[in-house]
Structure formats: structure tokens, C-alpha cells
C-alpha atoms as a PDB file:
ATOM      1  CA  MET A   1      46.952 -15.652  26.545  1.00  0.00           C
ATOM      2  CA  ILE A   2      46.912 -16.810  30.194  1.00  0.00           C
ATOM      3  CA  LYS A   3      44.017 -19.191  29.487  1.00  0.00           C
ATOM      4  CA  THR A   4      45.963 -20.639  26.540  1.00  0.00           C
ATOM      5  CA  LEU A   5      49.076 -21.230  28.726  1.00  0.00           C
ATOM      6  CA  HIS A   6      46.900 -22.798  31.406  1.00  0.00           C
ATOM      7  CA  LYS A   7      45.300 -25.054  28.815  1.00  0.00           C
ATOM      8  CA  TYR A   8      48.640 -26.444  27.587  1.00  0.00           C
ATOM      9  CA  PHE A   9      50.521 -26.279  30.902  1.00  0.00           C
ATOM     10  CA  ILE A  10      49.973 -29.920  31.913  1.00  0.00           C
ATOM     11  CA  PRO A  11      50.710 -31.386  28.432  1.00  0.00           C
ATOM     12  CA  ILE A  12      53.957 -29.389  28.344  1.00  0.00           C
ATOM     13  CA  CYS A  13      54.925 -30.616  31.807  1.00  0.00           C
ATOM     14  CA  LEU A  14      54.153 -34.197  30.801  1.00  0.00           C
ATOM     15  CA  ALA A  15      56.250 -33.858  27.664  1.00  0.00           C
ATOM     16  CA  LEU A  16      59.151 -32.461  29.715  1.00  0.00           C
ATOM     17  CA  LEU A  17      58.769 -35.283  32.233  1.00  0.00           C
ATOM     18  CA  VAL A  18      58.894 -37.901  29.477  1.00  0.00           C
ATOM     19  CA  HIS A  19      62.007 -36.326  28.003  1.00  0.00           C
ATOM     20  CA  ILE A  20      63.659 -36.156  31.437  1.00  0.00           C
ATOM     21  CA  VAL A  21      62.859 -39.810  32.134  1.00  0.00           C
ATOM     22  CA  LEU A  22      64.096 -40.935  28.736  1.00  0.00           C
ATOM     23  CA  PHE A  23      67.226 -38.860  29.107  1.00  0.00           C
ATOM     24  CA  SER A  24      67.832 -40.351  32.569  1.00  0.00           C
ATOM     25  CA  LEU A  25      67.377 -43.860  31.226  1.00  0.00           C
ATOM     26  CA  PHE A  26      69.694 -43.109  28.372  1.00  0.00           C
ATOM     27  CA  PHE A  27      72.269 -41.686  30.763  1.00  0.00           C
ATOM     28  CA  ILE A  28      71.996 -44.718  33.059  1.00  0.00           C
ATOM     29  CA  ASN A  29      72.386 -47.059  30.101  1.00  0.00           C
ATOM     30  CA  PHE A  30      75.338 -45.060  28.913  1.00  0.00           C
ATOM     31  CA  LYS A  31      77.036 -45.308  32.330  1.00  0.00           C
ATOM     32  CA  SER A  32      76.310 -49.007  32.446  1.00  0.00           C
ATOM     33  CA  ASP A  33      77.932 -49.485  29.063  1.00  0.00           C
ATOM     34  CA  SER A  34      81.071 -47.627  30.185  1.00  0.00           C
ATOM     35  CA  LYS A  35      81.690 -49.972  33.165  1.00  0.00           C
ATOM     36  CA  PRO A  36      83.143 -53.505  32.874  1.00  0.00           C
ATOM     37  CA  LEU A  37      80.342 -55.868  32.053  1.00  0.00           C
ATOM     38  CA  LYS A  38      79.276 -58.489  34.520  1.00  0.00           C
ATOM     39  CA  PRO A  39      77.716 -61.531  32.916  1.00  0.00           C
ATOM     40  CA  ALA A  40      75.124 -62.270  35.595  1.00  0.00           C
ATOM     41  CA  PRO A  41      73.320 -58.952  36.410  1.00  0.00           C
ATOM     42  CA  GLN A  42      73.125 -57.479  32.819  1.00  0.00           C
ATOM     43  CA  PRO A  43      69.754 -59.013  31.907  1.00  0.00           C
ATOM     44  CA  GLU A  44      68.193 -57.735  35.157  1.00  0.00           C
ATOM     45  CA  ILE A  45      69.341 -54.173  34.443  1.00  0.00           C
ATOM     46  CA  ILE A  46      67.806 -54.254  30.921  1.00  0.00           C
ATOM     47  CA  GLN A  47      64.575 -55.732  32.312  1.00  0.00           C
ATOM     48  CA  ALA A  48      64.352 -53.103  35.032  1.00  0.00           C
ATOM     49  CA  THR A  49      64.939 -50.312  32.540  1.00  0.00           C
ATOM     50  CA  SER A  50      62.246 -51.676  30.240  1.00  0.00           C
ATOM     51  CA  VAL A  51      59.722 -51.982  33.063  1.00  0.00           C
ATOM     52  CA  ASP A  52      60.396 -48.451  34.296  1.00  0.00           C
ATOM     53  CA  GLU A  53      59.966 -46.989  30.797  1.00  0.00           C
ATOM     54  CA  LYS A  54      56.618 -48.750  30.320  1.00  0.00           C
ATOM     55  CA  LYS A  55      55.374 -47.465  33.625  1.00  0.00           C
ATOM     56  CA  VAL A  56      56.389 -43.974  32.696  1.00  0.00           C
ATOM     57  CA  ILE A  57      54.626 -44.224  29.332  1.00  0.00           C
ATOM     58  CA  GLN A  58      51.532 -45.655  30.981  1.00  0.00           C
ATOM     59  CA  GLU A  59      51.581 -42.872  33.521  1.00  0.00           C
ATOM     60  CA  VAL A  60      52.013 -40.308  30.761  1.00  0.00           C
ATOM     61  CA  LYS A  61      49.067 -41.813  28.846  1.00  0.00           C
ATOM     62  CA  LYS A  62      47.033 -41.843  31.998  1.00  0.00           C
ATOM     63  CA  LEU A  63      47.811 -38.189  32.612  1.00  0.00           C
ATOM     64  CA  GLN A  64      47.070 -37.351  28.971  1.00  0.00           C
ATOM     65  CA  GLN A  65      43.754 -39.214  29.163  1.00  0.00           C
ATOM     66  CA  HIS A  66      42.935 -37.379  32.360  1.00  0.00           C
ATOM     67  CA  GLU A  67      43.740 -34.081  30.666  1.00  0.00           C
ATOM     68  CA  THR A  68      41.632 -35.055  27.641  1.00  0.00           C
ATOM     69  CA  ASP A  69      38.706 -36.004  29.868  1.00  0.00           C
ATOM     70  CA  LYS A  70      39.095 -32.749  31.750  1.00  0.00           C
ATOM     71  CA  ARG A  71      39.181 -30.764  28.506  1.00  0.00           C
ATOM     72  CA  LEU A  72      36.097 -32.565  27.148  1.00  0.00           C
ATOM     73  CA  ALA A  73      34.286 -31.968  30.424  1.00  0.00           C
ATOM     74  CA  GLU A  74      35.197 -28.284  30.233  1.00  0.00           C
ATOM     75  CA  GLN A  75      33.972 -28.118  26.645  1.00  0.00           C
ATOM     76  CA  LYS A  76      30.724 -29.795  27.684  1.00  0.00           C
ATOM     77  CA  ARG A  77      30.356 -27.363  30.578  1.00  0.00           C
ATOM     78  CA  GLN A  78      30.956 -24.413  28.234  1.00  0.00           C
ATOM     79  CA  ARG A  79      28.439 -25.842  25.751  1.00  0.00           C
ATOM     80  CA  VAL A  80      25.838 -26.257  28.510  1.00  0.00           C
ATOM     81  CA  LEU A  81      26.511 -22.689  29.666  1.00  0.00           C
ATOM     82  CA  GLU A  82      26.154 -21.443  26.077  1.00  0.00           C
ATOM     83  CA  GLU A  83      22.882 -23.341  25.662  1.00  0.00           C
ATOM     84  CA  LYS A  84      21.646 -21.854  28.933  1.00  0.00           C
ATOM     85  CA  ARG A  85      22.718 -18.389  27.776  1.00  0.00           C
ATOM     86  CA  VAL A  86      20.928 -18.820  24.426  1.00  0.00           C
ATOM     87  CA  ALA A  87      17.824 -20.147  26.194  1.00  0.00           C
ATOM     88  CA  GLU A  88      17.922 -17.220  28.611  1.00  0.00           C
ATOM     89  CA  GLN A  89      18.240 -14.750  25.716  1.00  0.00           C
ATOM     90  CA  GLN A  90      15.297 -16.452  23.996  1.00  0.00           C
ATOM     91  CA  LYS A  91      13.259 -16.136  27.192  1.00  0.00           C
ATOM     92  CA  ILE A  92      14.196 -12.454  27.431  1.00  0.00           C
ATOM     93  CA  LYS A  93      13.264 -11.972  23.772  1.00  0.00           C
ATOM     94  CA  GLN A  94       9.918 -13.719  24.299  1.00  0.00           C
ATOM     95  CA  LEU A  95       9.300 -11.664  27.439  1.00  0.00           C
ATOM     96  CA  ARG A  96      10.055  -8.459  25.545  1.00  0.00           C
ATOM     97  CA  ALA A  97       7.743  -9.551  22.713  1.00  0.00           C
ATOM     98  CA  GLN A  98       5.006 -10.289  25.256  1.00  0.00           C
ATOM     99  CA  GLN A  99       5.585  -6.898  26.870  1.00  0.00           C
ATOM    100  CA  GLU A 100       5.389  -5.200  23.461  1.00  0.00           C
ATOM    101  CA  LYS A 101       2.159  -7.073  22.662  1.00  0.00           C
ATOM    102  CA  GLN A 102       0.747  -6.117  26.055  1.00  0.00           C
ATOM    103  CA  ALA A 103       1.754  -2.487  25.489  1.00  0.00           C
ATOM    104  CA  LYS A 104       0.178  -2.606  22.042  1.00  0.00           C
ATOM    105  CA  ARG A 105      -3.032  -4.071  23.467  1.00  0.00           C
ATOM    106  CA  ILE A 106      -3.072  -1.376  26.156  1.00  0.00           C
ATOM    107  CA  GLU A 107      -2.535   1.330  23.516  1.00  0.00           C
ATOM    108  CA  GLN A 108      -5.275  -0.158  21.331  1.00  0.00           C
ATOM    109  CA  ALA A 109      -7.604  -0.267  24.319  1.00  0.00           C
ATOM    110  CA  ARG A 110      -6.743   3.359  25.123  1.00  0.00           C
ATOM    111  CA  GLN A 111      -7.378   4.404  21.523  1.00  0.00           C
ATOM    112  CA  GLU A 112     -10.647   2.451  21.480  1.00  0.00           C
ATOM    113  CA  GLN A 113     -11.688   4.101  24.735  1.00  0.00           C
ATOM    114  CA  GLN A 114     -10.795   7.480  23.239  1.00  0.00           C
ATOM    115  CA  LYS A 115     -12.848   6.664  20.128  1.00  0.00           C
ATOM    116  CA  LEU A 116     -15.785   5.629  22.302  1.00  0.00           C
ATOM    117  CA  ALA A 117     -15.479   8.840  24.296  1.00  0.00           C
ATOM    118  CA  LEU A 118     -15.383  10.923  21.114  1.00  0.00           C
ATOM    119  CA  ALA A 119     -18.320   8.965  19.694  1.00  0.00           C
ATOM    120  CA  LYS A 120     -20.257   9.506  22.911  1.00  0.00           C
ATOM    121  CA  GLN A 121     -19.429  13.209  22.818  1.00  0.00           C
ATOM    122  CA  ALA A 122     -20.543  13.418  19.183  1.00  0.00           C
ATOM    123  CA  GLU A 123     -23.754  11.532  20.013  1.00  0.00           C
ATOM    124  CA  GLU A 124     -24.474  13.865  22.920  1.00  0.00           C
ATOM    125  CA  LYS A 125     -23.868  16.857  20.669  1.00  0.00           C
ATOM    126  CA  LYS A 126     -26.171  15.355  18.056  1.00  0.00           C
ATOM    127  CA  LEU A 127     -28.869  14.723  20.666  1.00  0.00           C
ATOM    128  CA  GLU A 128     -28.496  18.291  21.906  1.00  0.00           C
ATOM    129  CA  GLN A 129     -28.941  19.559  18.362  1.00  0.00           C
ATOM    130  CA  ILE A 130     -32.032  17.364  17.973  1.00  0.00           C
ATOM    131  CA  ARG A 131     -33.449  18.702  21.244  1.00  0.00           C
ATOM    132  CA  LEU A 132     -32.742  22.253  20.105  1.00  0.00           C
ATOM    133  CA  LYS A 133     -34.453  21.628  16.766  1.00  0.00           C
ATOM    134  CA  GLN A 134     -37.416  20.038  18.534  1.00  0.00           C
ATOM    135  CA  ALA A 135     -37.702  23.057  20.815  1.00  0.00           C
ATOM    136  CA  GLN A 136     -37.510  25.395  17.839  1.00  0.00           C
ATOM    137  CA  GLU A 137     -40.113  23.342  15.976  1.00  0.00           C
ATOM    138  CA  LYS A 138     -42.358  23.339  19.029  1.00  0.00           C
ATOM    139  CA  LYS A 139     -42.026  27.105  19.283  1.00  0.00           C
ATOM    140  CA  ARG A 140     -42.750  27.505  15.574  1.00  0.00           C
ATOM    141  CA  LEU A 141     -45.847  25.299  15.780  1.00  0.00           C
ATOM    142  CA  LYS A 142     -47.052  27.231  18.812  1.00  0.00           C
ATOM    143  CA  GLU A 143     -46.621  30.511  16.945  1.00  0.00           C
ATOM    144  CA  ILE A 144     -48.566  29.079  14.011  1.00  0.00           C
ATOM    145  CA  ALA A 145     -51.310  27.829  16.338  1.00  0.00           C
ATOM    146  CA  ASP A 146     -51.471  31.193  18.099  1.00  0.00           C
ATOM    147  CA  LYS A 147     -51.633  33.002  14.813  1.00  0.00           C
ATOM    148  CA  LYS A 148     -54.280  30.615  13.533  1.00  0.00           C
ATOM    149  CA  LYS A 149     -56.301  31.067  16.720  1.00  0.00           C
ATOM    150  CA  ALA A 150     -56.005  34.817  16.454  1.00  0.00           C
ATOM    151  CA  MET A 151     -57.118  34.658  12.863  1.00  0.00           C
ATOM    152  CA  GLU A 152     -59.987  32.373  13.806  1.00  0.00           C
ATOM    153  CA  ASP A 153     -61.072  34.749  16.556  1.00  0.00           C
ATOM    154  CA  LYS A 154     -60.861  37.628  14.178  1.00  0.00           C
ATOM    155  CA  ARG A 155     -62.867  35.701  11.607  1.00  0.00           C
ATOM    156  CA  LYS A 156     -65.567  34.887  14.130  1.00  0.00           C
ATOM    157  CA  LYS A 157     -65.783  38.512  15.179  1.00  0.00           C
ATOM    158  CA  GLU A 158     -66.011  39.524  11.584  1.00  0.00           C
ATOM    159  CA  GLN A 159     -68.739  36.963  10.959  1.00  0.00           C
ATOM    160  CA  ALA A 160     -70.655  38.274  13.927  1.00  0.00           C
ATOM    161  CA  ARG A 161     -70.312  41.786  12.638  1.00  0.00           C
ATOM    162  CA  LEU A 162     -71.340  40.726   9.169  1.00  0.00           C
ATOM    163  CA  ALA A 163     -74.325  38.823  10.546  1.00  0.00           C
ATOM    164  CA  ALA A 164     -75.543  41.994  12.204  1.00  0.00           C
ATOM    165  CA  LEU A 165     -75.265  43.848   8.930  1.00  0.00           C
ATOM    166  CA  GLU A 166     -76.390  40.953   6.707  1.00  0.00           C
ATOM    167  CA  LYS A 167     -79.606  42.479   5.485  1.00  0.00           C
ATOM    168  CA  LYS A 168     -77.956  45.773   4.742  1.00  0.00           C
ATOM    169  CA  ARG A 169     -75.015  44.293   2.962  1.00  0.00           C
ATOM    170  CA  LYS A 170     -76.771  41.383   1.208  1.00  0.00           C
ATOM    171  CA  LEU A 171     -76.648  42.870  -2.218  1.00  0.00           C
ATOM    172  CA  GLU A 172     -73.051  43.985  -1.685  1.00  0.00           C
ATOM    173  CA  LEU A 173     -72.111  40.538  -0.609  1.00  0.00           C
ATOM    174  CA  LYS A 174     -73.674  39.028  -3.696  1.00  0.00           C
ATOM    175  CA  ARG A 175     -71.803  41.489  -5.830  1.00  0.00           C
ATOM    176  CA  GLN A 176     -68.602  40.721  -4.018  1.00  0.00           C
ATOM    177  CA  GLU A 177     -69.265  36.989  -4.400  1.00  0.00           C
ATOM    178  CA  LEU A 178     -69.768  37.364  -8.092  1.00  0.00           C
ATOM    179  CA  GLU A 179     -66.603  39.447  -8.301  1.00  0.00           C
ATOM    180  CA  ARG A 180     -64.711  36.887  -6.287  1.00  0.00           C
ATOM    181  CA  LYS A 181     -65.830  34.041  -8.526  1.00  0.00           C
ATOM    182  CA  LYS A 182     -64.894  36.098 -11.508  1.00  0.00           C
ATOM    183  CA  ARG A 183     -61.438  36.683 -10.092  1.00  0.00           C
ATOM    184  CA  GLU A 184     -61.058  33.004  -9.210  1.00  0.00           C
ATOM    185  CA  LYS A 185     -62.074  32.012 -12.685  1.00  0.00           C
ATOM    186  CA  ALA A 186     -59.614  34.487 -14.125  1.00  0.00           C
ATOM    187  CA  ALA A 187     -56.927  33.246 -11.736  1.00  0.00           C
ATOM    188  CA  LYS A 188     -57.612  29.621 -12.680  1.00  0.00           C
ATOM    189  CA  LEU A 189     -57.505  30.495 -16.335  1.00  0.00           C
ATOM    190  CA  ALA A 190     -54.245  32.383 -15.843  1.00  0.00           C
ATOM    191  CA  ALA A 191     -52.802  29.482 -13.843  1.00  0.00           C
ATOM    192  CA  LYS A 192     -53.875  27.043 -16.550  1.00  0.00           C
ATOM    193  CA  LYS A 193     -52.254  29.153 -19.258  1.00  0.00           C
ATOM    194  CA  LYS A 194     -49.123  29.522 -17.130  1.00  0.00           C
ATOM    195  CA  ALA A 195     -48.987  25.753 -16.609  1.00  0.00           C
ATOM    196  CA  GLU A 196     -49.484  25.197 -20.330  1.00  0.00           C
ATOM    197  CA  ARG A 197     -46.666  27.631 -21.113  1.00  0.00           C
ATOM    198  CA  ALA A 198     -44.424  25.926 -18.551  1.00  0.00           C
ATOM    199  CA  ALA A 199     -45.266  22.490 -19.986  1.00  0.00           C
ATOM    200  CA  LYS A 200     -44.561  23.772 -23.471  1.00  0.00           C
ATOM    201  CA  ARG A 201     -41.209  25.234 -22.388  1.00  0.00           C
ATOM    202  CA  LYS A 202     -40.369  21.976 -20.633  1.00  0.00           C
ATOM    203  CA  ALA A 203     -41.273  19.915 -23.698  1.00  0.00           C
ATOM    204  CA  GLU A 204     -39.247  22.246 -25.882  1.00  0.00           C
ATOM    205  CA  ALA A 205     -36.297  21.972 -23.486  1.00  0.00           C
ATOM    206  CA  VAL A 206     -36.567  18.162 -23.488  1.00  0.00           C
ATOM    207  CA  ALA A 207     -36.745  18.108 -27.268  1.00  0.00           C
ATOM    208  CA  ARG A 208     -33.825  20.519 -27.508  1.00  0.00           C
ATOM    209  CA  LYS A 209     -31.715  18.430 -25.109  1.00  0.00           C
ATOM    210  CA  LYS A 210     -32.631  15.274 -27.005  1.00  0.00           C
ATOM    211  CA  LEU A 211     -31.630  16.908 -30.275  1.00  0.00           C
ATOM    212  CA  GLU A 212     -28.403  18.178 -28.750  1.00  0.00           C
ATOM    213  CA  ALA A 213     -27.660  14.703 -27.357  1.00  0.00           C
ATOM    214  CA  GLU A 214     -28.345  13.129 -30.750  1.00  0.00           C
ATOM    215  CA  GLN A 215     -26.161  15.714 -32.444  1.00  0.00           C
ATOM    216  CA  ALA A 216     -23.414  15.176 -29.853  1.00  0.00           C
ATOM    217  CA  ALA A 217     -23.637  11.401 -30.327  1.00  0.00           C
ATOM    218  CA  ALA A 218     -23.509  11.796 -34.093  1.00  0.00           C
ATOM    219  CA  GLU A 219     -20.567  14.173 -33.734  1.00  0.00           C
ATOM    220  CA  ALA A 220     -18.821  11.704 -31.408  1.00  0.00           C
ATOM    221  CA  VAL A 221     -19.340   8.915 -33.958  1.00  0.00           C
ATOM    222  CA  ARG A 222     -18.085  11.178 -36.728  1.00  0.00           C
ATOM    223  CA  GLN A 223     -15.040  12.222 -34.729  1.00  0.00           C
ATOM    224  CA  GLY A 224     -14.440   8.608 -33.697  1.00  0.00           C
ATOM    225  CA  LYS A 225     -14.408   7.541 -37.336  1.00  0.00           C
ATOM    226  CA  ILE A 226     -12.083  10.402 -38.257  1.00  0.00           C
ATOM    227  CA  ILE A 227      -9.766   9.604 -35.328  1.00  0.00           C
ATOM    228  CA  SER A 228      -9.785   5.877 -36.136  1.00  0.00           C
ATOM    229  CA  ASN A 229      -9.107   6.532 -39.824  1.00  0.00           C
ATOM    230  CA  ALA A 230      -6.390   9.088 -39.033  1.00  0.00           C
ATOM    231  CA  THR A 231      -4.762   6.678 -36.580  1.00  0.00           C
ATOM    232  CA  ARG A 232      -4.669   3.921 -39.223  1.00  0.00           C
ATOM    233  CA  ILE A 233      -3.159   6.298 -41.772  1.00  0.00           C
ATOM    234  CA  ILE A 234      -0.563   7.496 -39.239  1.00  0.00           C
ATOM    235  CA  MET A 235       0.349   3.906 -38.315  1.00  0.00           C
ATOM    236  CA  ARG A 236       0.741   2.979 -42.004  1.00  0.00           C
ATOM    237  CA  LYS A 237       2.961   5.996 -42.623  1.00  0.00           C
ATOM    238  CA  VAL A 238       5.079   5.174 -39.566  1.00  0.00           C
ATOM    239  CA  GLU A 239       5.378   1.532 -40.704  1.00  0.00           C
ATOM    240  CA  ARG A 240       6.501   2.715 -44.150  1.00  0.00           C
ATOM    241  CA  SER A 241       9.126   4.898 -42.466  1.00  0.00           C
ATOM    242  CA  TRP A 242      10.320   2.049 -40.235  1.00  0.00           C
ATOM    243  CA  ILE A 243      13.592   0.293 -40.980  1.00  0.00           C
ATOM    244  CA  ARG A 244      13.827  -3.142 -39.393  1.00  0.00           C
ATOM    245  CA  PRO A 245      17.012  -3.456 -37.282  1.00  0.00           C
ATOM    246  CA  PRO A 246      19.161  -6.427 -38.352  1.00  0.00           C
ATOM    247  CA  GLY A 247      18.313  -9.603 -36.468  1.00  0.00           C
ATOM    248  CA  THR A 248      14.997  -8.275 -35.104  1.00  0.00           C
ATOM    249  CA  GLN A 249      12.463 -11.039 -34.593  1.00  0.00           C
ATOM    250  CA  ASP A 250       8.853 -10.838 -35.751  1.00  0.00           C
ATOM    251  CA  GLY A 251       5.936 -10.180 -33.435  1.00  0.00           C
ATOM    252  CA  LEU A 252       7.529  -7.352 -31.404  1.00  0.00           C
ATOM    253  CA  SER A 253       5.387  -4.405 -30.339  1.00  0.00           C
ATOM    254  CA  ALA A 254       5.916  -1.219 -28.347  1.00  0.00           C
ATOM    255  CA  THR A 255       3.587   1.525 -27.103  1.00  0.00           C
ATOM    256  CA  ILE A 256       4.684   5.018 -28.159  1.00  0.00           C
ATOM    257  CA  ARG A 257       3.574   8.424 -26.882  1.00  0.00           C
ATOM    258  CA  VAL A 258       3.679  11.067 -29.646  1.00  0.00           C
ATOM    259  CA  ASN A 259       3.441  14.857 -29.303  1.00  0.00           C
ATOM    260  CA  VAL A 260       2.652  16.908 -32.420  1.00  0.00           C
ATOM    261  CA  LYS A 261       2.104  20.545 -33.349  1.00  0.00           C
ATOM    262  CA  PRO A 262      -0.625  21.865 -35.647  1.00  0.00           C
ATOM    263  CA  GLY A 263       0.130  20.606 -39.106  1.00  0.00           C
ATOM    264  CA  GLY A 264       1.333  17.228 -37.821  1.00  0.00           C
ATOM    265  CA  THR A 265       4.966  18.108 -36.999  1.00  0.00           C
ATOM    266  CA  VAL A 266       6.281  15.597 -34.459  1.00  0.00           C
ATOM    267  CA  THR A 267       7.864  17.287 -31.441  1.00  0.00           C
ATOM    268  CA  ASN A 268       8.508  14.137 -29.418  1.00  0.00           C
ATOM    269  CA  ALA A 269       8.186  10.358 -29.716  1.00  0.00           C
ATOM    270  CA  THR A 270       8.900   8.203 -26.677  1.00  0.00           C
ATOM    271  CA  VAL A 271       8.401   4.476 -26.029  1.00  0.00           C
ATOM    272  CA  ILE A 272       6.341   4.190 -22.834  1.00  0.00           C
ATOM    273  CA  LYS A 273       5.949   0.395 -22.969  1.00  0.00           C
ATOM    274  CA  SER A 274       9.029  -1.402 -24.231  1.00  0.00           C
ATOM    275  CA  SER A 275       9.005  -4.387 -26.539  1.00  0.00           C
ATOM    276  CA  GLY A 276      11.905  -5.807 -24.564  1.00  0.00           C
ATOM    277  CA  ASN A 277      14.232  -5.143 -27.509  1.00  0.00           C
ATOM    278  CA  PRO A 278      16.075  -1.789 -27.182  1.00  0.00           C
ATOM    279  CA  GLY A 279      16.986  -1.777 -30.875  1.00  0.00           C
ATOM    280  CA  PHE A 280      13.372  -2.263 -31.897  1.00  0.00           C
ATOM    281  CA  ASP A 281      12.236   0.484 -29.490  1.00  0.00           C
ATOM    282  CA  ARG A 282      14.755   2.979 -30.900  1.00  0.00           C
ATOM    283  CA  SER A 283      13.813   2.092 -34.486  1.00  0.00           C
ATOM    284  CA  ALA A 284      10.116   2.649 -33.633  1.00  0.00           C
ATOM    285  CA  GLU A 285      10.823   6.119 -32.194  1.00  0.00           C
ATOM    286  CA  LEU A 286      12.971   6.974 -35.237  1.00  0.00           C
ATOM    287  CA  ALA A 287      10.208   5.801 -37.610  1.00  0.00           C
ATOM    288  CA  VAL A 288       7.716   8.188 -35.966  1.00  0.00           C
ATOM    289  CA  ARG A 289      10.119  11.113 -36.307  1.00  0.00           C
ATOM    290  CA  LYS A 290      10.885  10.207 -39.945  1.00  0.00           C
ATOM    291  CA  ALA A 291       7.143  10.069 -40.704  1.00  0.00           C
ATOM    292  CA  SER A 292       6.764  13.719 -39.568  1.00  0.00           C
ATOM    293  CA  PRO A 293       4.615  15.589 -40.452  1.00  0.00           C
ATOM    294  CA  LEU A 294       1.906  13.101 -39.556  1.00  0.00           C
ATOM    295  CA  PRO A 295      -1.470  13.191 -41.372  1.00  0.00           C
ATOM    296  CA  VAL A 296      -3.459  14.509 -38.399  1.00  0.00           C
ATOM    297  CA  PRO A 297      -7.032  15.845 -38.845  1.00  0.00           C
ATOM    298  CA  SER A 298      -7.307  19.555 -39.656  1.00  0.00           C
ATOM    299  CA  ASP A 299     -10.421  19.981 -37.498  1.00  0.00           C
ATOM    300  CA  PRO A 300      -9.187  21.906 -34.395  1.00  0.00           C
ATOM    301  CA  GLY A 301     -11.584  20.050 -32.104  1.00  0.00           C
ATOM    302  CA  ILE A 302     -10.376  16.654 -33.328  1.00  0.00           C
ATOM    303  CA  PHE A 303      -6.725  17.728 -33.526  1.00  0.00           C
ATOM    304  CA  LYS A 304      -6.723  18.160 -29.737  1.00  0.00           C
ATOM    305  CA  GLN A 305      -6.913  14.351 -29.540  1.00  0.00           C
ATOM    306  CA  PHE A 306      -3.622  14.146 -31.457  1.00  0.00           C
ATOM    307  CA  GLN A 307      -1.600  16.809 -29.649  1.00  0.00           C
ATOM    308  CA  SER A 308      -0.464  14.026 -27.327  1.00  0.00           C
ATOM    309  CA  PHE A 309      -1.576  10.475 -28.166  1.00  0.00           C
ATOM    310  CA  THR A 310      -0.344   6.910 -27.852  1.00  0.00           C
ATOM    311  CA  PHE A 311      -0.492   3.974 -30.221  1.00  0.00           C
ATOM    312  CA  ASN A 312       0.792   0.430 -30.338  1.00  0.00           C
ATOM    313  CA  PHE A 313       3.525  -0.014 -32.930  1.00  0.00           C
ATOM    314  CA  SER A 314       3.480  -3.637 -34.108  1.00  0.00           C
ATOM    315  CA  PRO A 315       4.705  -3.848 -37.712  1.00  0.00           C
ATOM    316  CA  SER A 316       3.553  -6.863 -39.651  1.00  0.00           C
END
């Protein structure tokens, strides 16, 4: 309020000054008219009054122009201040953005450092596990070598003992050799028969799996044909039950999910992909319900495919 009064203070004063001057001139003229007129000085009085009024008006205009210039200068100053303020805010915003980016980079670097530390820790743990396994393997190999050496020593001792008794045990050794060969031959024969039985079982298993696969494929084809045929029959029955809504254009289609009970009774029919025409969608759902019970396959295994199925309803 004070700023507004200050803004218009000088124009108000100027207006009052003009009115006072004009009133004074009018009063002077009025007094002059009330006195006896003198022929000689009258033109000078009128001229003086006219000159004074022009000066006053010029002065008023000058003051008004000064006030206008001052107001424009103030507006310019305010505009410059506003531009500086906006620029300063932009700088602050940019600085904050830079600080946020820097903080983000620092956080990313910290996270990366943490990842590297974890990776290094995992690598060290892995290396420790490898070293432990190597030590265990070394120990195991040493135990095997020691055992082998002990066995070799024992074998050598046994050979030495047998060499000393060779003559005495020659016949026994031959008998044992013959027995050993006999056992080996029997073992080889048994292993051969076992391998043959295993190969036979494997071949039978392969043949059985092949037969089962062929039967499954044939069954899948059979079921596929039954499902395809049943679907066509269901779609024809639904189309026969469909009543075209008035004004419905050709070429509309909607995808419907249908739930049925054994025997084909429809428990639910819902449009899951609209044709874009609500009337058509509702008529499609109604057609499915009117077509109940649907001609679903009686085979329990195939009927499972129709307990909840979808089809595209696009009547020709």
C-alpha cells in the first residue's frame, strides 16, 4: 500500500498543482473582469496569462516525463534484478545437479570398490579351497604311493619266499595256475554273458521307449484331431446359437474363455479379447451359454483340454 502511494505521489501532486494554477488564473481573470476595463493594458494581461499557463503545462509535462522516465528506469532495474535472480537460481540448480552427480559418482565408486573387495575376498576363498583340495589330493596320492610301495615290498618278499620253495611247490603252482586260468576264463565268460544281458536289456529298453514314443505321438495326433474336430463342432453350434445384434458390422471377432463341466454344461463364458463392440461381445457370450451343453469329447483325458479353453468367435 505504501509503495503504491509512493508510486502515485508525484503525479497526484502535479495534478493538484495544475488545478491550483488553473484556479488561480481563473480567479485572477474573474477579478479582472469585475473591475472597470482599461483599453490599453487588457491585451497585455491576456498575453501574460496565456504565457504563464503554457509554462505551467510545459513544466507539468516535463515533470510527468521525468516521472515516466524514472518509472521506466525502475522497471528496467527490477527486470535486471529479476534476470539476475533467475540466473542465480539457475546457477544454484546447476551446482546442485553437479553436486548430485558428484555424489552419485562417489557412491558408484564406493559400490564398485565394495564389489571389487567382495570379488577379491571370493577369489581368495576360492584359492584357499583350491590349495586345500591340492593338499588333500597330495595326501591321497602319498597314501596310495605308500600303500603301493608296501604292497610291492610285500610282493617282493613273497617272491623271494616262493623262489626258495620253488622246487617244492612247482607242481602246486602249476595246479594253481591252471585253476587261476580256469577261474579267469569262467569270469570272462560270466562277464561276457552279463554284458550281453545288459546290452539286451538296453536294446529292449530303447525299443520300448521308441514304441512308447510312437504310441504317444500317435495318441497326440489322435487327440489333436479329436480336439480340432470338437472345436469346429462347438464353434458351429455357438454360431448357430448366435443372434446378430442390430447394426453390427461384419468382420468382428472376439476371443472367449469357456469353462465347462463333464457333459459339456457351460459354467462360464467371458470375452478376454474384445472385438471393440460391446454389443457383439455380449452376444458372443450369450451364444456360448445358449449352446450349452457343448459337444465336448467324452474321453476323460481329452475332456481336460475343454474344462477351460479359449476360441476365437468370428461368425461369417
